[in-house]
Amino acid sequence: YKSTENMLRKVADECEKEKKSLEWQEGKFKALENSDVTRVRVAQERTEILKKRDIKLNNEIEVVNVEHREEESKHTQMIQNIMMKLNFTSNIIKRLQLECTHHFTPVSYTHLTLPTNREV
């Protein structure tokens, strides 16, 4: 009877050891599973952060592009205004040149170099 009892005790001890080993392995597996879940969560969060950063950068780039287009438009308008003023000024100069050539007639200098009656 004692040997059977000892045998049963040994089997119970072995079962208890096996149970503890399984619990430890299960705990380890859960820890690994949790760490895998954590890795997945971290990867998802990293992806979200990168998406948000990309959206922010794209928005900033768009703002810069809009500002650049606005500046370019202002410069184009300024150049057009300057060109109109230059064209207007050029037309005025041409008209003045034409007017000047019409008002002046050639002069003979011979009468200016001849002595007058008083000088003779």
N, C-alpha and C. Protein backbone atom coordinates (compact mmCIF):
# COMPACT_ATOMS: atom_id res chain seq x y z
N TYR A 1 0.82 -1.18 0.00
CA TYR A 1 0.00 0.00 0.00
C TYR A 1 0.86 1.24 0.00
N LYS A 2 1.90 1.23 0.81
CA LYS A 2 2.79 2.38 0.87
C LYS A 2 3.48 2.62 -0.43
N SER A 3 3.89 1.58 -1.10
CA SER A 3 4.57 1.77 -2.38
C SER A 3 3.62 2.38 -3.41
N THR A 4 2.39 1.99 -3.38
CA THR A 4 1.40 2.57 -4.30
C THR A 4 1.19 4.04 -3.94
N GLU A 5 1.13 4.30 -2.65
CA GLU A 5 0.96 5.68 -2.21
C GLU A 5 2.16 6.52 -2.61
N ASN A 6 3.36 5.99 -2.44
CA ASN A 6 4.57 6.70 -2.86
C ASN A 6 4.58 6.92 -4.37
N MET A 7 4.15 5.89 -5.05
CA MET A 7 4.10 5.98 -6.51
C MET A 7 3.11 7.06 -6.95
N LEU A 8 1.96 7.06 -6.28
CA LEU A 8 0.94 8.08 -6.62
C LEU A 8 1.46 9.48 -6.27
N ARG A 9 2.17 9.56 -5.16
CA ARG A 9 2.73 10.85 -4.77
C ARG A 9 3.75 11.32 -5.80
N LYS A 10 4.58 10.40 -6.26
CA LYS A 10 5.58 10.74 -7.28
C LYS A 10 4.89 11.19 -8.57
N VAL A 11 3.84 10.47 -8.93
CA VAL A 11 3.09 10.85 -10.14
C VAL A 11 2.46 12.23 -9.94
N ALA A 12 1.89 12.47 -8.73
CA ALA A 12 1.28 13.76 -8.44
C ALA A 12 2.33 14.87 -8.48
N ASP A 13 3.52 14.58 -7.91
CA ASP A 13 4.61 15.56 -7.96
C ASP A 13 5.03 15.84 -9.41
N GLU A 14 5.13 14.78 -10.17
CA GLU A 14 5.50 14.93 -11.59
C GLU A 14 4.43 15.75 -12.32
N CYS A 15 3.18 15.45 -12.02
CA CYS A 15 2.09 16.21 -12.65
C CYS A 15 2.15 17.68 -12.26
N GLU A 16 2.43 17.90 -10.96
CA GLU A 16 2.53 19.28 -10.49
C GLU A 16 3.68 20.00 -11.19
N LYS A 17 4.82 19.34 -11.31
CA LYS A 17 5.96 19.93 -12.02
C LYS A 17 5.60 20.20 -13.49
N GLU A 18 4.94 19.23 -14.10
CA GLU A 18 4.53 19.39 -15.51
C GLU A 18 3.54 20.54 -15.65
N LYS A 19 2.61 20.64 -14.68
CA LYS A 19 1.62 21.71 -14.69
C LYS A 19 2.32 23.07 -14.58
N LYS A 20 3.28 23.17 -13.63
CA LYS A 20 4.02 24.41 -13.47
C LYS A 20 4.82 24.74 -14.73
N SER A 21 5.40 23.74 -15.32
CA SER A 21 6.16 23.94 -16.55
C SER A 21 5.25 24.43 -17.67
N LEU A 22 4.07 23.82 -17.77
CA LEU A 22 3.11 24.25 -18.79
C LEU A 22 2.63 25.67 -18.53
N GLU A 23 2.36 25.98 -17.26
CA GLU A 23 1.94 27.34 -16.92
C GLU A 23 3.04 28.34 -17.27
N TRP A 24 4.27 27.97 -16.94
CA TRP A 24 5.40 28.86 -17.26
C TRP A 24 5.51 29.05 -18.77
N GLN A 25 5.38 27.93 -19.52
CA GLN A 25 5.45 28.02 -20.98
C GLN A 25 4.28 28.82 -21.53
N GLU A 26 3.11 28.61 -20.92
CA GLU A 26 1.94 29.38 -21.36
C GLU A 26 2.13 30.87 -21.09
N GLY A 27 2.67 31.17 -19.89
CA GLY A 27 2.96 32.56 -19.56
C GLY A 27 3.96 33.17 -20.53
N LYS A 28 4.98 32.37 -20.84
CA LYS A 28 5.99 32.82 -21.79
C LYS A 28 5.35 33.04 -23.16
N PHE A 29 4.48 32.11 -23.56
CA PHE A 29 3.81 32.24 -24.85
C PHE A 29 2.94 33.50 -24.87
N LYS A 30 2.21 33.73 -23.75
CA LYS A 30 1.36 34.93 -23.68
C LYS A 30 2.23 36.19 -23.74
N ALA A 31 3.37 36.13 -23.04
CA ALA A 31 4.28 37.28 -23.08
C ALA A 31 4.76 37.53 -24.51
N LEU A 32 5.12 36.44 -25.18
CA LEU A 32 5.54 36.59 -26.58
C LEU A 32 4.40 37.09 -27.44
N GLU A 33 3.21 36.53 -27.19
CA GLU A 33 2.04 36.95 -27.95
C GLU A 33 1.79 38.43 -27.71
N ASN A 34 1.88 38.83 -26.43
CA ASN A 34 1.70 40.24 -26.09
C ASN A 34 2.77 41.11 -26.75
N SER A 35 4.00 40.60 -26.75
CA SER A 35 5.05 41.39 -27.38
C SER A 35 4.82 41.47 -28.89
N ASP A 36 4.30 40.39 -29.50
CA ASP A 36 3.96 40.45 -30.93
C ASP A 36 2.83 41.45 -31.16
N VAL A 37 1.84 41.42 -30.27
CA VAL A 37 0.74 42.38 -30.38
C VAL A 37 1.29 43.79 -30.20
N THR A 38 2.19 43.94 -29.24
CA THR A 38 2.80 45.24 -29.00
C THR A 38 3.57 45.69 -30.24
N ARG A 39 4.32 44.76 -30.83
CA ARG A 39 5.07 45.11 -32.05
C ARG A 39 4.12 45.55 -33.16
N VAL A 40 3.01 44.82 -33.29
CA VAL A 40 2.03 45.18 -34.32
C VAL A 40 1.46 46.57 -34.02
N ARG A 41 1.11 46.82 -32.75
CA ARG A 41 0.57 48.13 -32.38
C ARG A 41 1.58 49.23 -32.64
N VAL A 42 2.83 48.97 -32.25
CA VAL A 42 3.87 49.97 -32.47
C VAL A 42 4.03 50.23 -33.96
N ALA A 43 4.02 49.16 -34.77
CA ALA A 43 4.14 49.33 -36.23
C ALA A 43 2.95 50.12 -36.77
N GLN A 44 1.75 49.84 -36.27
CA GLN A 44 0.57 50.58 -36.72
C GLN A 44 0.66 52.05 -36.32
N GLU A 45 1.09 52.30 -35.08
CA GLU A 45 1.23 53.68 -34.62
C GLU A 45 2.29 54.41 -35.44
N ARG A 46 3.39 53.73 -35.71
CA ARG A 46 4.45 54.33 -36.51
C ARG A 46 3.92 54.66 -37.91
N THR A 47 3.15 53.75 -38.47
CA THR A 47 2.56 53.99 -39.79
C THR A 47 1.64 55.20 -39.76
N GLU A 48 0.81 55.30 -38.72
CA GLU A 48 -0.10 56.44 -38.59
C GLU A 48 0.68 57.74 -38.45
N ILE A 49 1.72 57.71 -37.63
CA ILE A 49 2.55 58.91 -37.45
C ILE A 49 3.18 59.33 -38.77
N LEU A 50 3.68 58.35 -39.53
CA LEU A 50 4.29 58.67 -40.83
C LEU A 50 3.25 59.21 -41.80
N LYS A 51 2.05 58.63 -41.78
CA LYS A 51 0.98 59.14 -42.66
C LYS A 51 0.65 60.59 -42.31
N LYS A 52 0.50 60.85 -40.99
CA LYS A 52 0.19 62.22 -40.56
C LYS A 52 1.31 63.17 -40.95
N ARG A 53 2.57 62.72 -40.77
CA ARG A 53 3.70 63.57 -41.15
C ARG A 53 3.70 63.84 -42.65
N ASP A 54 3.41 62.79 -43.45
CA ASP A 54 3.36 62.98 -44.89
C ASP A 54 2.26 63.95 -45.28
N ILE A 55 1.09 63.82 -44.64
CA ILE A 55 -0.01 64.74 -44.92
C ILE A 55 0.39 66.16 -44.56
N LYS A 56 1.02 66.32 -43.38
CA LYS A 56 1.45 67.65 -42.95
C LYS A 56 2.47 68.23 -43.92
N LEU A 57 3.46 67.40 -44.33
CA LEU A 57 4.47 67.88 -45.27
C LEU A 57 3.84 68.24 -46.61
N ASN A 58 2.91 67.40 -47.09
CA ASN A 58 2.24 67.71 -48.36
C ASN A 58 1.45 69.01 -48.26
N ASN A 59 0.80 69.23 -47.11
CA ASN A 59 0.07 70.50 -46.91
C ASN A 59 1.03 71.68 -46.90
N GLU A 60 2.17 71.53 -46.22
CA GLU A 60 3.15 72.61 -46.19
C GLU A 60 3.70 72.88 -47.59
N ILE A 61 3.95 71.81 -48.35
CA ILE A 61 4.44 71.98 -49.72
C ILE A 61 3.40 72.70 -50.56
N GLU A 62 2.13 72.35 -50.38
CA GLU A 62 1.06 73.00 -51.14
C GLU A 62 0.99 74.48 -50.79
N VAL A 63 1.14 74.81 -49.50
CA VAL A 63 1.13 76.22 -49.07
C VAL A 63 2.28 76.97 -49.74
N VAL A 64 3.46 76.35 -49.75
CA VAL A 64 4.62 76.99 -50.38
C VAL A 64 4.37 77.16 -51.88
N ASN A 65 3.79 76.14 -52.52
CA ASN A 65 3.49 76.24 -53.95
C ASN A 65 2.49 77.36 -54.23
N VAL A 66 1.47 77.46 -53.38
CA VAL A 66 0.48 78.54 -53.56
C VAL A 66 1.15 79.89 -53.39
N GLU A 67 1.98 80.03 -52.35
CA GLU A 67 2.69 81.29 -52.14
C GLU A 67 3.60 81.61 -53.32
N HIS A 68 4.27 80.58 -53.84
CA HIS A 68 5.16 80.78 -54.98
C HIS A 68 4.36 81.24 -56.20
N ARG A 69 3.21 80.60 -56.44
CA ARG A 69 2.38 81.00 -57.58
C ARG A 69 1.88 82.43 -57.41
N GLU A 70 1.52 82.79 -56.18
CA GLU A 70 1.06 84.16 -55.92
C GLU A 70 2.18 85.16 -56.18
N GLU A 71 3.39 84.85 -55.69
CA GLU A 71 4.54 85.73 -55.91
C GLU A 71 4.85 85.83 -57.40
N GLU A 72 4.80 84.68 -58.07
CA GLU A 72 5.07 84.66 -59.51
C GLU A 72 4.04 85.51 -60.25
N SER A 73 2.78 85.42 -59.83
CA SER A 73 1.73 86.21 -60.45
C SER A 73 1.97 87.70 -60.21
N LYS A 74 2.38 88.06 -58.99
CA LYS A 74 2.68 89.46 -58.69
C LYS A 74 3.82 89.97 -59.56
N HIS A 75 4.87 89.15 -59.68
CA HIS A 75 6.01 89.56 -60.49
C HIS A 75 5.62 89.70 -61.96
N THR A 76 4.82 88.77 -62.43
CA THR A 76 4.35 88.84 -63.82
C THR A 76 3.55 90.12 -64.03
N GLN A 77 2.67 90.45 -63.08
CA GLN A 77 1.88 91.67 -63.18
C GLN A 77 2.77 92.91 -63.16
N MET A 78 3.79 92.90 -62.28
CA MET A 78 4.72 94.02 -62.21
C MET A 78 5.46 94.19 -63.54
N ILE A 79 5.92 93.08 -64.10
CA ILE A 79 6.64 93.13 -65.38
C ILE A 79 5.72 93.66 -66.48
N GLN A 80 4.48 93.20 -66.49
CA GLN A 80 3.53 93.69 -67.49
C GLN A 80 3.29 95.19 -67.34
N ASN A 81 3.17 95.66 -66.09
CA ASN A 81 2.98 97.10 -65.85
C ASN A 81 4.20 97.89 -66.33
N ILE A 82 5.39 97.38 -66.03
CA ILE A 82 6.62 98.05 -66.46
C ILE A 82 6.69 98.09 -67.98
N MET A 83 6.34 96.99 -68.61
CA MET A 83 6.37 96.92 -70.09
C MET A 83 5.37 97.92 -70.68
N MET A 84 4.19 98.04 -70.06
CA MET A 84 3.21 99.01 -70.56
C MET A 84 3.75 100.43 -70.41
N LYS A 85 4.38 100.73 -69.26
CA LYS A 85 4.94 102.06 -69.05
C LYS A 85 6.07 102.34 -70.02
N LEU A 86 6.92 101.34 -70.25
CA LEU A 86 8.00 101.51 -71.22
C LEU A 86 7.46 101.75 -72.62
N ASN A 87 6.45 101.01 -72.97
CA ASN A 87 5.83 101.18 -74.28
C ASN A 87 5.21 102.57 -74.40
N PHE A 88 4.52 103.00 -73.35
CA PHE A 88 3.92 104.33 -73.34
C PHE A 88 5.01 105.40 -73.45
N THR A 89 6.09 105.23 -72.66
CA THR A 89 7.20 106.19 -72.70
C THR A 89 7.85 106.21 -74.07
N SER A 90 8.02 105.04 -74.64
CA SER A 90 8.62 104.95 -75.97
C SER A 90 7.75 105.67 -77.00
N ASN A 91 6.46 105.52 -76.90
CA ASN A 91 5.55 106.22 -77.82
C ASN A 91 5.64 107.73 -77.64
N ILE A 92 5.74 108.17 -76.40
CA ILE A 92 5.87 109.62 -76.14
C ILE A 92 7.17 110.13 -76.75
N ILE A 93 8.25 109.41 -76.57
CA ILE A 93 9.55 109.82 -77.13
C ILE A 93 9.47 109.89 -78.65
N LYS A 94 8.84 108.92 -79.26
CA LYS A 94 8.70 108.93 -80.73
C LYS A 94 7.89 110.13 -81.18
N ARG A 95 6.80 110.43 -80.47
CA ARG A 95 5.99 111.59 -80.83
C ARG A 95 6.78 112.89 -80.66
N LEU A 96 7.54 112.99 -79.58
CA LEU A 96 8.35 114.18 -79.35
C LEU A 96 9.41 114.33 -80.44
N GLN A 97 10.00 113.22 -80.84
CA GLN A 97 11.00 113.28 -81.91
C GLN A 97 10.36 113.77 -83.20
N LEU A 98 9.17 113.26 -83.46
CA LEU A 98 8.47 113.70 -84.68
C LEU A 98 8.13 115.18 -84.60
N GLU A 99 7.64 115.60 -83.46
CA GLU A 99 7.28 117.01 -83.28
C GLU A 99 8.51 117.90 -83.41
N CYS A 100 9.60 117.46 -82.85
CA CYS A 100 10.82 118.26 -82.91
C CYS A 100 11.33 118.40 -84.34
N THR A 101 11.22 117.37 -85.10
CA THR A 101 11.70 117.45 -86.48
C THR A 101 10.79 118.31 -87.33
N HIS A 102 9.53 118.40 -86.96
CA HIS A 102 8.60 119.24 -87.73
C HIS A 102 8.74 120.71 -87.38
N HIS A 103 9.09 121.06 -86.19
CA HIS A 103 9.17 122.46 -85.78
C HIS A 103 10.47 123.13 -86.20
N PHE A 104 11.48 122.39 -86.36
CA PHE A 104 12.76 122.98 -86.71
C PHE A 104 13.00 122.84 -88.21
N THR A 105 13.44 123.93 -88.79
CA THR A 105 13.78 123.90 -90.21
C THR A 105 15.27 124.22 -90.32
N PRO A 106 15.88 123.71 -91.33
CA PRO A 106 17.32 123.95 -91.46
C PRO A 106 17.60 125.45 -91.63
N VAL A 107 18.70 125.86 -91.10
CA VAL A 107 19.08 127.28 -91.13
C VAL A 107 20.39 127.40 -91.90
N SER A 108 20.46 128.43 -92.70
CA SER A 108 21.69 128.71 -93.42
C SER A 108 22.56 129.58 -92.53
N TYR A 109 23.80 129.23 -92.37
CA TYR A 109 24.69 129.97 -91.49
C TYR A 109 25.46 131.08 -92.22
N THR A 110 25.28 131.15 -93.51
CA THR A 110 26.05 132.16 -94.25
C THR A 110 25.69 133.57 -93.85
N HIS A 111 24.43 133.84 -93.65
CA HIS A 111 24.03 135.20 -93.26
C HIS A 111 24.51 135.56 -91.86
N LEU A 112 24.80 134.57 -91.07
CA LEU A 112 25.28 134.87 -89.74
C LEU A 112 26.77 135.24 -89.75
N THR A 113 27.47 134.79 -90.72
CA THR A 113 28.90 135.06 -90.75
C THR A 113 29.25 136.30 -91.57
N LEU A 114 28.31 136.80 -92.32
CA LEU A 114 28.57 138.00 -93.13
C LEU A 114 28.56 139.24 -92.24
N PRO A 115 29.37 140.21 -92.55
CA PRO A 115 29.38 141.42 -91.72
C PRO A 115 28.13 142.25 -91.97
N THR A 116 27.73 142.93 -90.99
CA THR A 116 26.55 143.79 -91.11
C THR A 116 26.99 145.16 -91.64
N ASN A 117 26.03 146.04 -91.95
CA ASN A 117 26.34 147.37 -92.47
C ASN A 117 27.10 148.19 -91.43
N ARG A 118 26.78 148.03 -90.21
CA ARG A 118 27.44 148.81 -89.17
C ARG A 118 28.92 148.46 -89.05
N GLU A 119 29.23 147.17 -89.33
CA GLU A 119 30.62 146.75 -89.17
C GLU A 119 31.49 147.17 -90.36
N VAL A 120 30.88 147.51 -91.44
CA VAL A 120 31.67 147.84 -92.62
C VAL A 120 32.22 149.23 -92.59
